[in-house]
Amino acid sequence: MQILVLIGVLVLVVGGCVCVVWASRGGPRWVRGVAQVTLVAGEMLRKSSRSSRNSGSQNSGDDGS
């Protein structure tokens, strides 16, 4: 069951990337919509990983001296 979920996520990611490339070359309106959703989701993931890394380094107690 877990492998099916992973395959599904992989298909969505690859499809989103294809839509981003296609939209950059002037694809139809629905492709531009999917590309926009993909880019926003990627930005949200990037911000969440940055904030989790920053909170982990603040809790480490290392002041660099």
PDB file of N, CA and C in Angstrom:
ATOM      1  N   MET A   1       0.819  -1.202   0.000  1.00  0.00           N
ATOM      2  CA  MET A   1       0.000   0.000   0.000  1.00  0.00           C
ATOM      3  C   MET A   1       0.861   1.263   0.000  1.00  0.00           C
ATOM      4  N   GLN A   2       1.926   1.241   0.797  1.00  0.00           N
ATOM      5  CA  GLN A   2       2.804   2.410   0.862  1.00  0.00           C
ATOM      6  C   GLN A   2       3.493   2.677  -0.472  1.00  0.00           C
ATOM      7  N   ILE A   3       3.829   1.623  -1.173  1.00  0.00           N
ATOM      8  CA  ILE A   3       4.488   1.803  -2.464  1.00  0.00           C
ATOM      9  C   ILE A   3       3.546   2.462  -3.462  1.00  0.00           C
ATOM     10  N   LEU A   4       2.256   2.159  -3.377  1.00  0.00           N
ATOM     11  CA  LEU A   4       1.288   2.791  -4.270  1.00  0.00           C
ATOM     12  C   LEU A   4       1.176   4.291  -3.978  1.00  0.00           C
ATOM     13  N   VAL A   5       1.216   4.650  -2.711  1.00  0.00           N
ATOM     14  CA  VAL A   5       1.173   6.068  -2.341  1.00  0.00           C
ATOM     15  C   VAL A   5       2.425   6.775  -2.851  1.00  0.00           C
ATOM     16  N   LEU A   6       3.578   6.156  -2.681  1.00  0.00           N
ATOM     17  CA  LEU A   6       4.823   6.762  -3.166  1.00  0.00           C
ATOM     18  C   LEU A   6       4.823   6.912  -4.685  1.00  0.00           C
ATOM     19  N   ILE A   7       4.318   5.919  -5.380  1.00  0.00           N
ATOM     20  CA  ILE A   7       4.231   6.002  -6.841  1.00  0.00           C
ATOM     21  C   ILE A   7       3.275   7.122  -7.245  1.00  0.00           C
ATOM     22  N   GLY A   8       2.161   7.240  -6.534  1.00  0.00           N
ATOM     23  CA  GLY A   8       1.214   8.317  -6.817  1.00  0.00           C
ATOM     24  C   GLY A   8       1.829   9.695  -6.612  1.00  0.00           C
ATOM     25  N   VAL A   9       2.573   9.862  -5.525  1.00  0.00           N
ATOM     26  CA  VAL A   9       3.242  11.145  -5.268  1.00  0.00           C
ATOM     27  C   VAL A   9       4.277  11.419  -6.356  1.00  0.00           C
ATOM     28  N   LEU A  10       5.017  10.409  -6.743  1.00  0.00           N
ATOM     29  CA  LEU A  10       6.014  10.573  -7.803  1.00  0.00           C
ATOM     30  C   LEU A  10       5.373  10.983  -9.120  1.00  0.00           C
ATOM     31  N   VAL A  11       4.250  10.386  -9.459  1.00  0.00           N
ATOM     32  CA  VAL A  11       3.539  10.738 -10.693  1.00  0.00           C
ATOM     33  C   VAL A  11       3.078  12.194 -10.634  1.00  0.00           C
ATOM     34  N   LEU A  12       2.560  12.627  -9.485  1.00  0.00           N
ATOM     35  CA  LEU A  12       2.126  14.014  -9.347  1.00  0.00           C
ATOM     36  C   LEU A  12       3.295  14.989  -9.470  1.00  0.00           C
ATOM     37  N   VAL A  13       4.420  14.660  -8.873  1.00  0.00           N
ATOM     38  CA  VAL A  13       5.594  15.539  -8.941  1.00  0.00           C
ATOM     39  C   VAL A  13       6.113  15.636 -10.373  1.00  0.00           C
ATOM     40  N   VAL A  14       6.250  14.510 -11.029  1.00  0.00           N
ATOM     41  CA  VAL A  14       6.746  14.521 -12.413  1.00  0.00           C
ATOM     42  C   VAL A  14       5.756  15.250 -13.318  1.00  0.00           C
ATOM     43  N   GLY A  15       4.462  15.008 -13.125  1.00  0.00           N
ATOM     44  CA  GLY A  15       3.456  15.716 -13.922  1.00  0.00           C
ATOM     45  C   GLY A  15       3.501  17.211 -13.696  1.00  0.00           C
ATOM     46  N   GLY A  16       3.705  17.630 -12.448  1.00  0.00           N
ATOM     47  CA  GLY A  16       3.830  19.061 -12.147  1.00  0.00           C
ATOM     48  C   GLY A  16       5.044  19.675 -12.823  1.00  0.00           C
ATOM     49  N   CYS A  17       6.153  18.961 -12.797  1.00  0.00           N
ATOM     50  CA  CYS A  17       7.363  19.468 -13.452  1.00  0.00           C
ATOM     51  C   CYS A  17       7.174  19.580 -14.965  1.00  0.00           C
ATOM     52  N   VAL A  18       6.508  18.604 -15.554  1.00  0.00           N
ATOM     53  CA  VAL A  18       6.228  18.663 -16.988  1.00  0.00           C
ATOM     54  C   VAL A  18       5.356  19.874 -17.303  1.00  0.00           C
ATOM     55  N   CYS A  19       4.375  20.134 -16.452  1.00  0.00           N
ATOM     56  CA  CYS A  19       3.498  21.286 -16.682  1.00  0.00           C
ATOM     57  C   CYS A  19       4.246  22.608 -16.543  1.00  0.00           C
ATOM     58  N   VAL A  20       5.196  22.683 -15.615  1.00  0.00           N
ATOM     59  CA  VAL A  20       5.981  23.905 -15.463  1.00  0.00           C
ATOM     60  C   VAL A  20       6.779  24.175 -16.744  1.00  0.00           C
ATOM     61  N   VAL A  21       7.411  23.145 -17.272  1.00  0.00           N
ATOM     62  CA  VAL A  21       8.189  23.316 -18.504  1.00  0.00           C
ATOM     63  C   VAL A  21       7.276  23.660 -19.673  1.00  0.00           C
ATOM     64  N   TRP A  22       6.160  22.975 -19.787  1.00  0.00           N
ATOM     65  CA  TRP A  22       5.223  23.214 -20.878  1.00  0.00           C
ATOM     66  C   TRP A  22       4.650  24.628 -20.794  1.00  0.00           C
ATOM     67  N   ALA A  23       4.326  25.073 -19.584  1.00  0.00           N
ATOM     68  CA  ALA A  23       3.779  26.426 -19.411  1.00  0.00           C
ATOM     69  C   ALA A  23       4.807  27.488 -19.768  1.00  0.00           C
ATOM     70  N   SER A  24       6.079  27.215 -19.482  1.00  0.00           N
ATOM     71  CA  SER A  24       7.115  28.193 -19.833  1.00  0.00           C
ATOM     72  C   SER A  24       7.252  28.338 -21.348  1.00  0.00           C
ATOM     73  N   ARG A  25       6.791  27.344 -22.084  1.00  0.00           N
ATOM     74  CA  ARG A  25       6.837  27.391 -23.552  1.00  0.00           C
ATOM     75  C   ARG A  25       5.496  27.803 -24.157  1.00  0.00           C
ATOM     76  N   GLY A  26       4.567  28.262 -23.287  1.00  0.00           N
ATOM     77  CA  GLY A  26       3.302  28.786 -23.789  1.00  0.00           C
ATOM     78  C   GLY A  26       2.207  27.755 -23.942  1.00  0.00           C
ATOM     79  N   GLY A  27       2.067  26.873 -22.983  1.00  0.00           N
ATOM     80  CA  GLY A  27       1.040  25.852 -23.051  1.00  0.00           C
ATOM     81  C   GLY A  27      -0.354  26.416 -22.824  1.00  0.00           C
ATOM     82  N   PRO A  28      -1.349  25.551 -22.869  1.00  0.00           N
ATOM     83  CA  PRO A  28      -2.740  25.992 -22.657  1.00  0.00           C
ATOM     84  C   PRO A  28      -2.968  26.510 -21.232  1.00  0.00           C
ATOM     85  N   ARG A  29      -4.123  27.103 -21.020  1.00  0.00           N
ATOM     86  CA  ARG A  29      -4.428  27.748 -19.739  1.00  0.00           C
ATOM     87  C   ARG A  29      -4.392  26.756 -18.577  1.00  0.00           C
ATOM     88  N   TRP A  30      -4.923  25.549 -18.758  1.00  0.00           N
ATOM     89  CA  TRP A  30      -4.951  24.593 -17.647  1.00  0.00           C
ATOM     90  C   TRP A  30      -3.542  24.177 -17.253  1.00  0.00           C
ATOM     91  N   VAL A  31      -2.621  24.132 -18.213  1.00  0.00           N
ATOM     92  CA  VAL A  31      -1.233  23.781 -17.909  1.00  0.00           C
ATOM     93  C   VAL A  31      -0.591  24.893 -17.077  1.00  0.00           C
ATOM     94  N   ARG A  32      -0.899  26.141 -17.429  1.00  0.00           N
ATOM     95  CA  ARG A  32      -0.354  27.257 -16.639  1.00  0.00           C
ATOM     96  C   ARG A  32      -0.894  27.233 -15.219  1.00  0.00           C
ATOM     97  N   GLY A  33      -2.156  26.817 -15.052  1.00  0.00           N
ATOM     98  CA  GLY A  33      -2.741  26.695 -13.718  1.00  0.00           C
ATOM     99  C   GLY A  33      -2.064  25.616 -12.887  1.00  0.00           C
ATOM    100  N   VAL A  34      -1.846  24.458 -13.502  1.00  0.00           N
ATOM    101  CA  VAL A  34      -1.167  23.360 -12.804  1.00  0.00           C
ATOM    102  C   VAL A  34       0.269  23.763 -12.468  1.00  0.00           C
ATOM    103  N   ALA A  35       0.925  24.459 -13.386  1.00  0.00           N
ATOM    104  CA  ALA A  35       2.291  24.909 -13.135  1.00  0.00           C
ATOM    105  C   ALA A  35       2.333  25.884 -11.967  1.00  0.00           C
ATOM    106  N   GLN A  36       1.379  26.782 -11.895  1.00  0.00           N
ATOM    107  CA  GLN A  36       1.336  27.747 -10.795  1.00  0.00           C
ATOM    108  C   GLN A  36       1.136  27.038  -9.455  1.00  0.00           C
ATOM    109  N   VAL A  37       0.233  26.065  -9.423  1.00  0.00           N
ATOM    110  CA  VAL A  37       0.015  25.289  -8.194  1.00  0.00           C
ATOM    111  C   VAL A  37       1.284  24.546  -7.803  1.00  0.00           C
ATOM    112  N   THR A  38       1.982  23.977  -8.773  1.00  0.00           N
ATOM    113  CA  THR A  38       3.220  23.257  -8.510  1.00  0.00           C
ATOM    114  C   THR A  38       4.279  24.185  -7.935  1.00  0.00           C
ATOM    115  N   LEU A  39       4.427  25.365  -8.514  1.00  0.00           N
ATOM    116  CA  LEU A  39       5.429  26.309  -8.032  1.00  0.00           C
ATOM    117  C   LEU A  39       5.104  26.812  -6.626  1.00  0.00           C
ATOM    118  N   VAL A  40       3.836  27.073  -6.353  1.00  0.00           N
ATOM    119  CA  VAL A  40       3.438  27.518  -5.010  1.00  0.00           C
ATOM    120  C   VAL A  40       3.686  26.409  -3.985  1.00  0.00           C
ATOM    121  N   ALA A  41       3.350  25.177  -4.327  1.00  0.00           N
ATOM    122  CA  ALA A  41       3.584  24.056  -3.417  1.00  0.00           C
ATOM    123  C   ALA A  41       5.077  23.874  -3.146  1.00  0.00           C
ATOM    124  N   GLY A  42       5.896  24.024  -4.167  1.00  0.00           N
ATOM    125  CA  GLY A  42       7.341  23.919  -3.982  1.00  0.00           C
ATOM    126  C   GLY A  42       7.886  25.011  -3.087  1.00  0.00           C
ATOM    127  N   GLU A  43       7.377  26.222  -3.261  1.00  0.00           N
ATOM    128  CA  GLU A  43       7.810  27.335  -2.416  1.00  0.00           C
ATOM    129  C   GLU A  43       7.393  27.111  -0.967  1.00  0.00           C
ATOM    130  N   MET A  44       6.198  26.599  -0.754  1.00  0.00           N
ATOM    131  CA  MET A  44       5.747  26.317   0.616  1.00  0.00           C
ATOM    132  C   MET A  44       6.613  25.246   1.272  1.00  0.00           C
ATOM    133  N   LEU A  45       6.960  24.206   0.531  1.00  0.00           N
ATOM    134  CA  LEU A  45       7.838  23.170   1.068  1.00  0.00           C
ATOM    135  C   LEU A  45       9.216  23.723   1.384  1.00  0.00           C
ATOM    136  N   ARG A  46       9.723  24.590   0.522  1.00  0.00           N
ATOM    137  CA  ARG A  46      11.034  25.191   0.736  1.00  0.00           C
ATOM    138  C   ARG A  46      11.037  26.040   2.004  1.00  0.00           C
ATOM    139  N   LYS A  47       9.985  26.845   2.187  1.00  0.00           N
ATOM    140  CA  LYS A  47       9.899  27.693   3.380  1.00  0.00           C
ATOM    141  C   LYS A  47       9.750  26.860   4.641  1.00  0.00           C
ATOM    142  N   SER A  48       8.968  25.787   4.581  1.00  0.00           N
ATOM    143  CA  SER A  48       8.792  24.967   5.774  1.00  0.00           C
ATOM    144  C   SER A  48      10.083  24.244   6.144  1.00  0.00           C
ATOM    145  N   SER A  49      10.869  23.822   5.161  1.00  0.00           N
ATOM    146  CA  SER A  49      12.134  23.161   5.486  1.00  0.00           C
ATOM    147  C   SER A  49      13.136  24.154   6.046  1.00  0.00           C
ATOM    148  N   ARG A  50      13.121  25.394   5.550  1.00  0.00           N
ATOM    149  CA  ARG A  50      14.011  26.416   6.108  1.00  0.00           C
ATOM    150  C   ARG A  50      13.655  26.716   7.552  1.00  0.00           C
ATOM    151  N   SER A  51      12.360  26.855   7.840  1.00  0.00           N
ATOM    152  CA  SER A  51      11.954  27.200   9.199  1.00  0.00           C
ATOM    153  C   SER A  51      12.250  26.056  10.157  1.00  0.00           C
ATOM    154  N   SER A  52      12.114  24.809   9.726  1.00  0.00           N
ATOM    155  CA  SER A  52      12.419  23.690  10.612  1.00  0.00           C
ATOM    156  C   SER A  52      13.925  23.581  10.846  1.00  0.00           C
ATOM    157  N   ARG A  53      14.743  23.893   9.837  1.00  0.00           N
ATOM    158  CA  ARG A  53      16.189  23.894  10.033  1.00  0.00           C
ATOM    159  C   ARG A  53      16.609  25.012  10.970  1.00  0.00           C
ATOM    160  N   ASN A  54      16.002  26.191  10.824  1.00  0.00           N
ATOM    161  CA  ASN A  54      16.351  27.311  11.682  1.00  0.00           C
ATOM    162  C   ASN A  54      15.943  27.055  13.123  1.00  0.00           C
ATOM    163  N   SER A  55      14.795  26.479  13.358  1.00  0.00           N
ATOM    164  CA  SER A  55      14.363  26.214  14.724  1.00  0.00           C
ATOM    165  C   SER A  55      15.244  25.147  15.360  1.00  0.00           C
ATOM    166  N   GLY A  56      15.722  24.188  14.586  1.00  0.00           N
ATOM    167  CA  GLY A  56      16.615  23.164  15.122  1.00  0.00           C
ATOM    168  C   GLY A  56      17.972  23.722  15.498  1.00  0.00           C
ATOM    169  N   SER A  57      18.487  24.669  14.723  1.00  0.00           N
ATOM    170  CA  SER A  57      19.790  25.236  15.031  1.00  0.00           C
ATOM    171  C   SER A  57      19.711  26.196  16.208  1.00  0.00           C
ATOM    172  N   GLN A  58      18.567  26.835  16.419  1.00  0.00           N
ATOM    173  CA  GLN A  58      18.416  27.723  17.557  1.00  0.00           C
ATOM    174  C   GLN A  58      18.340  26.947  18.859  1.00  0.00           C
ATOM    175  N   ASN A  59      17.836  25.746  18.809  1.00  0.00           N
ATOM    176  CA  ASN A  59      17.699  24.943  20.014  1.00  0.00           C
ATOM    177  C   ASN A  59      18.970  24.188  20.358  1.00  0.00           C
ATOM    178  N   SER A  60      19.986  24.229  19.500  1.00  0.00           N
ATOM    179  CA  SER A  60      21.182  23.439  19.736  1.00  0.00           C
ATOM    180  C   SER A  60      22.066  24.040  20.833  1.00  0.00           C
ATOM    181  N   GLY A  61      21.948  25.338  21.095  1.00  0.00           N
ATOM    182  CA  GLY A  61      22.742  25.963  22.150  1.00  0.00           C
ATOM    183  C   GLY A  61      24.153  26.314  21.721  1.00  0.00           C
ATOM    184  N   ASP A  62      24.472  26.179  20.454  1.00  0.00           N
ATOM    185  CA  ASP A  62      25.807  26.514  19.952  1.00  0.00           C
ATOM    186  C   ASP A  62      25.848  27.983  19.585  1.00  0.00           C
ATOM    187  N   ASP A  63      26.664  28.766  20.331  1.00  0.00           N
ATOM    188  CA  ASP A  63      26.740  30.192  20.056  1.00  0.00           C
ATOM    189  C   ASP A  63      27.941  30.567  19.209  1.00  0.00           C
ATOM    190  N   GLY A  64      28.713  29.602  18.774  1.00  0.00           N
ATOM    191  CA  GLY A  64      29.816  29.870  17.849  1.00  0.00           C
ATOM    192  C   GLY A  64      31.088  30.328  18.504  1.00  0.00           C
ATOM    193  N   SER A  65      31.152  30.397  19.827  1.00  0.00           N
ATOM    194  CA  SER A  65      32.405  30.851  20.459  1.00  0.00           C
ATOM    195  C   SER A  65      33.174  29.726  21.083  1.00  0.00           C
TER     196      SER A  65
END
